[in-house]
Amino acid sequence: MNENNKDFIFNLNKELQIYMDKYNNTGIDSFEGLSPSIMHGLLYNNWGNNIISINPNKLGGNDIPIIMQIKYFIKELIQLNEIKLTKTGNLPPSIVKDIYKNKFISDRMIESGITKLTKETDVNNITFMKIICIMAGIIKKRKNTITLTKNILKVIDTAQFIEKILHTIFYEYNWAYFDLYENEKIGKLGNNYTLYLLNKYRDNWKSMDFYAKLYFKAFPEFLKSEGSDFTKECFIYRTFNQILRYCGFIDFEKKEFNDGKIKTTEIFKNI
């Protein structure tokens, strides 16, 4: 290769790099004005390494529904020392009813009388709590019996405890666990972007469909395999009716958590 060709290729690569850098750092409409570079960070980097920063030091955990429920569950385990699960691996009905009576997180089917609370599988948020506790290393299961892990009581009232639970929920837990929607990635992939959108419109009542449209505008590939209404329903169910409601990050205008408009809570703003 002669020198002229080398210079041409070098300059071409340089121009291409300049173009790519400009593109990656320019806000685009599909991402609500965020650049591809920032969106990449939201998708693939943890909190603190992208534009989302979680500060659990501002909270004691006594205002986040799922953490309040977990702490209550821990206190029960302290009193009992251990809990023997049913043959199907569920919490005993007496434990389930005792936890639910505190209404840390309500269940629409139970509250409406459609479902009668008799066992763990009647209320998703308690199964969710048990899974998170296992994944976060709060409890351990051995021979169908659960106990608290060593040293958990040393951190239960710390910001580290809150951060560990939230990290488990947003980065490790399978958001599709309780549904039959085909695509398991919807909602969990890009959940940092959803947090960004909530922060952007935080004090304004917006429909859940409003956020769903913005989410699928950024990730249109999710709409290709299934009908748009069905896919939006999946996003709304996983993101708002479950995860963000369990964390106390959103408030529902109609208080039925399956319809109407939402906005962020003081918990979300503080953290």
Protein backbone atom coordinates (compact mmCIF):
# COMPACT_ATOMS: atom_id res chain seq x y z
CA MET A 1 0.00 0.00 0.00
CA ASN A 2 1.49 3.35 -1.01
CA GLU A 3 1.64 6.43 1.20
CA ASN A 4 -1.27 8.14 -0.58
CA ASN A 5 -3.56 5.18 0.13
CA LYS A 6 -2.44 5.07 3.76
CA ASP A 7 -3.17 8.77 4.17
CA PHE A 8 -6.56 8.36 2.52
CA ILE A 9 -7.57 5.48 4.83
CA PHE A 10 -6.25 7.34 7.89
CA ASN A 11 -8.24 10.48 7.05
CA LEU A 12 -11.34 8.45 6.20
CA ASN A 13 -11.21 6.65 9.56
CA LYS A 14 -10.68 9.98 11.29
CA GLU A 15 -13.74 11.49 9.59
CA LEU A 16 -15.83 8.43 10.41
CA GLN A 17 -14.78 8.64 14.07
CA ILE A 18 -15.72 12.33 14.20
CA TYR A 19 -19.10 11.51 12.67
CA MET A 20 -19.74 8.64 15.11
CA ASP A 21 -18.69 10.73 18.10
CA LYS A 22 -21.06 13.49 17.01
CA TYR A 23 -23.91 11.01 16.50
CA ASN A 24 -23.33 9.23 19.81
CA ASN A 25 -23.38 12.50 21.73
CA THR A 26 -26.31 14.18 19.99
CA GLY A 27 -29.76 14.00 21.55
CA ILE A 28 -32.38 12.24 19.44
CA ASP A 29 -36.15 12.38 19.54
CA SER A 30 -36.65 8.62 20.02
CA PHE A 31 -34.78 8.84 23.33
CA GLU A 32 -36.60 11.96 24.61
CA GLY A 33 -33.55 14.08 23.79
CA LEU A 34 -30.96 11.72 25.27
CA SER A 35 -27.95 10.79 23.16
CA PRO A 36 -27.17 7.20 22.07
CA SER A 37 -24.14 7.34 24.36
CA ILE A 38 -26.25 8.21 27.42
CA MET A 39 -28.86 5.60 26.48
CA HIS A 40 -26.12 2.97 26.20
CA GLY A 41 -25.09 3.83 29.74
CA LEU A 42 -28.66 3.47 30.98
CA LEU A 43 -28.92 0.04 29.36
CA TYR A 44 -25.60 -1.47 30.33
CA ASN A 45 -24.22 0.38 33.37
CA ASN A 46 -25.37 0.20 36.97
CA TRP A 47 -26.57 3.16 39.01
CA GLY A 48 -23.80 5.64 39.64
CA ASN A 49 -22.12 4.71 36.37
CA ASN A 50 -24.89 6.27 34.27
CA ILE A 51 -27.09 9.34 34.69
CA ILE A 52 -29.23 7.52 37.27
CA SER A 53 -28.00 7.82 40.84
CA ILE A 54 -29.77 6.16 43.77
CA ASN A 55 -29.16 7.67 47.20
CA PRO A 56 -30.61 5.33 49.86
CA ASN A 57 -28.97 7.40 52.62
CA LYS A 58 -31.97 9.74 52.39
CA LEU A 59 -34.33 6.94 53.38
CA GLY A 60 -34.60 4.67 56.38
CA GLY A 61 -36.43 1.94 54.54
CA ASN A 62 -39.49 2.47 56.71
CA ASP A 63 -41.26 4.24 53.87
CA ILE A 64 -40.57 1.81 50.99
CA PRO A 65 -43.38 -0.80 50.93
CA ILE A 66 -41.33 -3.83 49.88
CA ILE A 67 -38.56 -3.06 52.37
CA MET A 68 -41.08 -2.53 55.16
CA GLN A 69 -42.56 -5.93 54.30
CA ILE A 70 -39.15 -7.58 54.20
CA LYS A 71 -38.20 -6.11 57.59
CA TYR A 72 -41.43 -7.40 59.09
CA PHE A 73 -40.71 -10.82 57.62
CA ILE A 74 -37.21 -10.74 59.13
CA LYS A 75 -38.67 -9.97 62.57
CA GLU A 76 -40.94 -13.00 62.26
CA LEU A 77 -37.97 -15.17 61.34
CA ILE A 78 -36.06 -13.87 64.38
CA GLN A 79 -38.92 -14.91 66.66
CA LEU A 80 -39.38 -18.30 65.02
CA ASN A 81 -35.69 -18.96 64.35
CA GLU A 82 -36.69 -20.85 61.22
CA ILE A 83 -39.73 -21.38 59.01
CA LYS A 84 -40.56 -24.77 57.58
CA LEU A 85 -42.07 -24.40 54.12
CA THR A 86 -45.03 -26.37 52.80
CA LYS A 87 -44.50 -29.43 50.59
CA THR A 88 -44.75 -27.15 47.55
CA GLY A 89 -42.06 -24.83 48.91
CA ASN A 90 -44.38 -22.02 49.96
CA LEU A 91 -44.60 -20.07 53.20
CA PRO A 92 -47.16 -21.47 55.67
CA PRO A 93 -50.63 -19.86 55.33
CA SER A 94 -50.44 -18.45 58.87
CA ILE A 95 -47.24 -16.54 58.00
CA VAL A 96 -48.71 -15.29 54.73
CA LYS A 97 -51.89 -14.01 56.40
CA ASP A 98 -49.92 -12.35 59.20
CA ILE A 99 -47.71 -10.48 56.72
CA TYR A 100 -50.57 -9.44 54.45
CA LYS A 101 -52.78 -8.10 57.25
CA ASN A 102 -50.32 -5.21 57.62
CA LYS A 103 -51.11 -4.11 54.02
CA PHE A 104 -47.56 -3.07 53.24
CA ILE A 105 -48.50 -3.88 49.64
CA SER A 106 -52.13 -4.52 48.76
CA ASP A 107 -53.39 -7.00 46.19
CA ARG A 108 -56.25 -5.91 43.92
CA MET A 109 -57.69 -9.41 43.53
CA ILE A 110 -57.79 -9.97 47.28
CA GLU A 111 -59.05 -6.49 48.14
CA SER A 112 -61.86 -6.76 45.58
CA GLY A 113 -62.89 -10.15 46.96
CA ILE A 114 -62.18 -11.99 43.71
CA THR A 115 -59.47 -14.04 45.41
CA LYS A 116 -59.59 -15.28 48.98
CA LEU A 117 -56.27 -15.26 50.80
CA THR A 118 -55.57 -18.81 51.91
CA LYS A 119 -51.98 -19.48 50.77
CA GLU A 120 -48.81 -17.82 49.46
CA THR A 121 -49.67 -18.22 45.78
CA ASP A 122 -52.81 -16.10 46.30
CA VAL A 123 -50.73 -12.95 46.69
CA ASN A 124 -47.86 -12.27 44.28
CA ASN A 125 -46.09 -9.65 46.34
CA ILE A 126 -45.32 -12.11 49.14
CA THR A 127 -43.83 -14.65 46.73
CA PHE A 128 -41.93 -11.73 45.19
CA MET A 129 -40.63 -10.79 48.65
CA LYS A 130 -39.45 -14.34 49.33
CA ILE A 131 -37.61 -14.52 45.99
CA ILE A 132 -35.90 -11.16 46.56
CA CYS A 133 -34.85 -12.21 50.07
CA ILE A 134 -33.22 -15.35 48.70
CA MET A 135 -31.53 -13.56 45.79
CA ALA A 136 -30.29 -10.73 48.01
CA GLY A 137 -28.81 -13.17 50.53
CA ILE A 138 -31.19 -12.22 53.33
CA ILE A 139 -32.51 -15.74 53.85
CA LYS A 140 -31.27 -19.17 52.87
CA LYS A 141 -33.25 -22.26 52.07
CA ARG A 142 -32.09 -25.72 53.12
CA LYS A 143 -34.12 -28.93 53.30
CA ASN A 144 -37.33 -26.96 52.70
CA THR A 145 -36.62 -24.73 55.67
CA ILE A 146 -35.63 -21.06 55.55
CA THR A 147 -33.46 -19.20 58.03
CA LEU A 148 -31.80 -15.81 58.17
CA THR A 149 -28.30 -15.60 56.78
CA LYS A 150 -25.37 -14.74 59.00
CA ASN A 151 -24.80 -11.05 59.81
CA ILE A 152 -27.97 -9.79 58.08
CA LEU A 153 -29.12 -8.12 61.30
CA LYS A 154 -25.95 -6.00 61.32
CA VAL A 155 -26.98 -4.23 58.10
CA ILE A 156 -30.79 -4.26 58.28
CA ASP A 157 -31.00 -0.57 59.26
CA THR A 158 -28.35 0.68 56.85
CA ALA A 159 -28.43 2.28 53.41
CA GLN A 160 -26.48 -0.76 52.21
CA PHE A 161 -29.49 -2.96 52.99
CA ILE A 162 -31.86 -0.74 50.98
CA GLU A 163 -29.46 -0.48 48.06
CA LYS A 164 -28.93 -4.25 47.96
CA ILE A 165 -32.66 -4.93 47.78
CA LEU A 166 -33.29 -2.31 45.08
CA HIS A 167 -30.29 -3.52 43.07
CA THR A 168 -31.63 -7.09 43.25
CA ILE A 169 -35.08 -5.97 42.08
CA PHE A 170 -33.91 -3.83 39.17
CA TYR A 171 -30.87 -5.78 37.95
CA GLU A 172 -31.21 -9.42 38.99
CA TYR A 173 -34.88 -10.36 39.45
CA ASN A 174 -36.82 -11.68 36.42
CA TRP A 175 -39.63 -9.16 35.90
CA ALA A 176 -41.59 -11.71 33.86
CA TYR A 177 -41.88 -14.16 36.77
CA PHE A 178 -45.63 -13.71 37.37
CA ASP A 179 -46.96 -13.42 33.83
CA LEU A 180 -47.30 -15.35 30.59
CA TYR A 181 -46.24 -12.61 28.19
CA GLU A 182 -43.89 -14.02 25.58
CA ASN A 183 -41.03 -11.51 25.70
CA GLU A 184 -39.30 -11.63 29.09
CA LYS A 185 -37.16 -8.53 28.38
CA ILE A 186 -39.99 -6.01 28.18
CA GLY A 187 -39.95 -3.66 31.15
CA LYS A 188 -36.74 -4.86 32.75
CA LEU A 189 -34.58 -3.97 29.75
CA GLY A 190 -34.34 -0.22 29.85
CA ASN A 191 -35.83 0.15 33.32
CA ASN A 192 -33.27 2.88 33.99
CA TYR A 193 -34.77 4.77 31.07
CA THR A 194 -38.20 4.43 32.67
CA LEU A 195 -36.76 5.89 35.89
CA TYR A 196 -35.34 8.75 33.82
CA LEU A 197 -38.76 9.40 32.26
CA LEU A 198 -40.45 9.34 35.66
CA ASN A 199 -37.92 11.84 36.95
CA LYS A 200 -38.46 14.08 33.91
CA TYR A 201 -42.25 14.22 34.35
CA ARG A 202 -42.25 13.58 38.08
CA ASP A 203 -44.84 16.12 39.30
CA ASN A 204 -47.26 15.73 36.41
CA TRP A 205 -50.09 13.22 36.34
CA LYS A 206 -49.43 11.14 33.23
CA SER A 207 -51.20 8.04 31.99
CA MET A 208 -49.36 4.75 32.16
CA ASP A 209 -49.97 4.54 28.42
CA PHE A 210 -48.04 7.81 28.02
CA TYR A 211 -44.93 6.20 29.51
CA ALA A 212 -45.51 2.98 27.57
CA LYS A 213 -45.51 4.90 24.29
CA LEU A 214 -42.24 6.64 25.16
CA TYR A 215 -40.69 3.32 26.19
CA PHE A 216 -41.61 1.61 22.93
CA LYS A 217 -40.60 4.66 20.94
CA ALA A 218 -37.10 4.03 22.30
CA PHE A 219 -37.36 0.23 21.91
CA PRO A 220 -39.61 -0.32 18.87
CA GLU A 221 -38.24 -3.82 18.27
CA PHE A 222 -40.50 -5.06 21.09
CA LEU A 223 -43.60 -4.15 19.06
CA LYS A 224 -42.67 -6.29 16.06
CA SER A 225 -43.44 -9.74 17.45
CA GLU A 226 -46.72 -8.98 19.24
CA GLY A 227 -49.60 -6.52 18.92
CA SER A 228 -48.88 -3.05 20.29
CA ASP A 229 -51.78 -3.01 22.78
CA PHE A 230 -50.80 -6.42 24.13
CA THR A 231 -47.16 -5.36 24.48
CA LYS A 232 -48.07 -2.09 26.20
CA GLU A 233 -50.22 -4.07 28.61
CA CYS A 234 -47.18 -6.22 29.41
CA PHE A 235 -44.99 -3.17 30.08
CA ILE A 236 -47.59 -1.50 32.28
CA TYR A 237 -48.29 -4.64 34.30
CA ARG A 238 -44.65 -5.43 35.01
CA THR A 239 -43.36 -1.91 35.48
CA PHE A 240 -46.15 0.00 37.22
CA ASN A 241 -48.57 -2.54 38.70
CA GLN A 242 -45.72 -4.55 40.18
CA ILE A 243 -42.13 -3.27 40.50
CA LEU A 244 -42.57 0.50 40.88
CA ARG A 245 -45.68 0.08 43.03
CA TYR A 246 -43.90 -2.39 45.29
CA CYS A 247 -41.05 0.10 45.70
CA GLY A 248 -43.44 2.97 46.44
CA PHE A 249 -42.01 5.04 43.58
CA ILE A 250 -45.35 5.97 42.02
CA ASP A 251 -48.76 7.17 43.14
CA PHE A 252 -51.97 6.23 41.34
CA GLU A 253 -54.61 8.85 40.66
CA LYS A 254 -57.48 6.35 40.91
CA LYS A 255 -55.87 4.29 43.69
CA GLU A 256 -56.66 1.11 41.78
CA PHE A 257 -53.15 0.68 40.31
CA ASN A 258 -54.46 -0.75 37.06
CA ASP A 259 -55.90 2.28 35.33
CA GLY A 260 -55.66 6.05 35.11
CA LYS A 261 -52.71 8.34 35.67
CA ILE A 262 -49.58 8.16 37.81
CA LYS A 263 -46.92 10.48 39.16
CA THR A 264 -43.86 10.01 41.33
CA THR A 265 -43.96 9.92 45.12
CA GLU A 266 -41.82 11.69 47.70
CA ILE A 267 -40.00 8.38 48.18
CA PHE A 268 -38.90 8.45 44.53
CA LYS A 269 -37.87 12.10 44.73
CA ASN A 270 -35.87 11.54 47.91
CA ILE A 271 -33.99 8.52 46.65
